[in-house]
Amino acid sequence: MKFTELRKKLKSAKIIEKPTHDWVYSPGLDIDCDEYFQLDDINEHFHETEKPFFVFDCDEERWPGIDIYEAINDSLLDFYDDAKSQITESDYNELKNFIDNWNKKQNVVQYVPNHDKIIILDKDRYDKFLNYVQETQ
């Protein structure tokens, strides 16, 4: 992400005090490494001089599970065109019910950056960054 694009995102983002779901994302401006981490664990991820001056909040994204219709279609790609017709509606429904119940038990979650919400960790460095980017445009 270019600095001018980042500046625009930061200027329009809502400033919040704490993460929505504990997880945050640092795009790695100070060190050449972007990273997801729990804000309470910031000291485990960064040396004092490498701590980011802001982080993006993260949204929780739940895995929807297996789409049995898609799984069956994918598994039959190398078969003849009408192979799916040999799967009875009853067998399909039995498998679908099983997979639907299995999907409900799964708790697979990932966190994705929400560029509309930021947490400022060092206001002085944050302001200097915004001013620097504006001056160099």
Protein backbone atom coordinates (compact mmCIF):
# COMPACT_ATOMS: atom_id res chain seq x y z
CA MET A 1 0.00 0.00 0.00
CA LYS A 2 1.44 3.37 -0.99
CA PHE A 3 1.91 6.00 1.70
CA THR A 4 -0.55 8.40 0.05
CA GLU A 5 -3.19 5.66 -0.13
CA LEU A 6 -2.49 4.71 3.49
CA ARG A 7 -2.71 8.34 4.61
CA LYS A 8 -6.12 8.63 2.94
CA LYS A 9 -7.34 5.48 4.73
CA LEU A 10 -6.02 6.70 8.07
CA LYS A 11 -7.60 10.13 7.72
CA SER A 12 -11.01 8.63 6.98
CA ALA A 13 -10.83 5.80 9.54
CA LYS A 14 -12.66 5.89 12.85
CA ILE A 15 -10.29 6.02 15.80
CA ILE A 16 -11.17 3.46 18.45
CA GLU A 17 -9.63 2.73 21.84
CA LYS A 18 -9.54 -1.06 21.83
CA PRO A 19 -9.92 -3.88 19.31
CA THR A 20 -13.33 -5.28 18.51
CA HIS A 21 -12.17 -8.91 18.64
CA ASP A 22 -8.75 -8.66 20.38
CA TRP A 23 -6.87 -9.01 17.07
CA VAL A 24 -5.21 -6.15 15.21
CA TYR A 25 -3.14 -5.77 12.07
CA SER A 26 0.03 -3.76 11.60
CA PRO A 27 0.98 -3.03 7.99
CA GLY A 28 4.66 -2.91 9.00
CA LEU A 29 5.69 0.64 8.18
CA ASP A 30 8.52 0.88 10.71
CA ILE A 31 9.88 -2.58 10.07
CA ASP A 32 9.48 -4.49 6.87
CA CYS A 33 7.00 -6.98 8.29
CA ASP A 34 3.24 -6.85 8.44
CA GLU A 35 1.70 -8.80 11.24
CA TYR A 36 -1.52 -9.87 12.97
CA PHE A 37 -1.42 -10.06 16.74
CA GLN A 38 -3.48 -9.63 19.87
CA LEU A 39 -2.93 -6.09 21.09
CA ASP A 40 -2.29 -7.26 24.66
CA ASP A 41 0.68 -9.25 23.30
CA ILE A 42 2.34 -6.34 21.50
CA ASN A 43 5.50 -6.59 23.63
CA GLU A 44 5.98 -10.20 22.53
CA HIS A 45 5.87 -9.21 18.86
CA PHE A 46 7.89 -6.02 18.75
CA HIS A 47 10.93 -4.54 20.42
CA GLU A 48 10.18 -1.22 22.05
CA THR A 49 11.75 0.73 19.18
CA GLU A 50 9.87 -1.29 16.54
CA LYS A 51 6.34 -0.97 17.90
CA PRO A 52 3.87 0.35 15.35
CA PHE A 53 2.37 3.79 15.93
CA PHE A 54 -1.06 2.59 14.82
CA VAL A 55 -2.83 -0.66 14.01
CA PHE A 56 -5.95 -1.53 12.09
CA ASP A 57 -8.76 -3.22 13.94
CA CYS A 58 -9.72 -6.66 12.63
CA ASP A 59 -13.09 -8.14 11.81
CA GLU A 60 -13.88 -11.72 12.60
CA GLU A 61 -14.66 -13.89 9.60
CA ARG A 62 -16.15 -17.28 10.26
CA TRP A 63 -15.56 -20.21 7.93
CA PRO A 64 -18.92 -21.12 6.39
CA GLY A 65 -18.00 -24.80 6.25
CA ILE A 66 -18.21 -27.28 3.44
CA ASP A 67 -20.63 -26.56 0.62
CA ILE A 68 -21.74 -30.10 -0.22
CA TYR A 69 -23.22 -29.11 -3.58
CA GLU A 70 -19.88 -27.61 -4.63
CA ALA A 71 -17.94 -30.58 -3.18
CA ILE A 72 -19.98 -33.08 -5.16
CA ASN A 73 -19.68 -31.05 -8.36
CA ASP A 74 -15.92 -30.67 -7.91
CA SER A 75 -15.45 -34.37 -7.20
CA LEU A 76 -17.31 -35.30 -10.39
CA LEU A 77 -15.43 -32.95 -12.74
CA ASP A 78 -13.47 -35.79 -14.33
CA PHE A 79 -16.52 -38.03 -14.69
CA TYR A 80 -18.93 -38.03 -17.58
CA ASP A 81 -21.38 -35.11 -17.86
CA ASP A 82 -24.42 -36.81 -16.36
CA ALA A 83 -22.65 -38.68 -13.53
CA LYS A 84 -24.36 -36.57 -10.86
CA SER A 85 -27.73 -37.99 -11.90
CA GLN A 86 -26.70 -41.30 -10.30
CA ILE A 87 -26.75 -39.69 -6.85
CA THR A 88 -30.27 -40.03 -5.55
CA GLU A 89 -32.06 -37.10 -3.97
CA SER A 90 -32.41 -39.13 -0.78
CA ASP A 91 -28.66 -39.86 -0.61
CA TYR A 92 -27.85 -36.22 -1.40
CA ASN A 93 -30.20 -34.98 1.36
CA GLU A 94 -28.74 -37.46 3.86
CA LEU A 95 -25.20 -36.27 3.09
CA LYS A 96 -26.27 -32.61 3.09
CA ASN A 97 -27.92 -32.95 6.53
CA PHE A 98 -24.81 -34.65 7.90
CA ILE A 99 -22.50 -31.95 6.51
CA ASP A 100 -24.82 -29.12 7.64
CA ASN A 101 -24.76 -30.48 11.20
CA TRP A 102 -21.00 -30.95 11.04
CA ASN A 103 -20.55 -27.38 9.76
CA LYS A 104 -22.53 -26.03 12.73
CA LYS A 105 -19.99 -27.59 15.13
CA GLN A 106 -16.99 -25.92 13.51
CA ASN A 107 -15.42 -22.83 15.03
CA VAL A 108 -12.88 -21.90 12.38
CA VAL A 109 -12.28 -18.15 12.51
CA GLN A 110 -9.87 -15.79 10.84
CA TYR A 111 -9.29 -12.10 11.37
CA VAL A 112 -9.08 -9.62 8.51
CA PRO A 113 -8.01 -5.97 8.66
CA ASN A 114 -10.79 -3.43 8.86
CA HIS A 115 -9.31 -0.33 7.22
CA ASP A 116 -12.20 1.75 8.54
CA LYS A 117 -11.07 1.46 12.20
CA ILE A 118 -7.68 2.23 13.68
CA ILE A 119 -6.11 2.30 17.11
CA ILE A 120 -3.44 4.93 17.56
CA LEU A 121 -0.61 3.65 19.76
CA ASP A 122 1.75 6.63 19.51
CA LYS A 123 -0.03 9.89 18.67
CA ASP A 124 3.16 11.88 18.10
CA ARG A 125 4.54 9.41 15.53
CA TYR A 126 1.10 9.07 13.94
CA ASP A 127 0.79 12.85 13.45
CA LYS A 128 4.35 13.07 12.11
CA PHE A 129 3.62 10.35 9.58
CA LEU A 130 0.46 12.08 8.33
CA ASN A 131 2.27 15.42 8.07
CA TYR A 132 5.29 13.88 6.34
CA VAL A 133 3.16 12.16 3.72
CA GLN A 134 1.16 15.34 3.11
CA GLU A 135 4.36 17.40 2.70
CA THR A 136 5.88 14.96 0.20
CA GLN A 137 2.84 14.90 -2.10
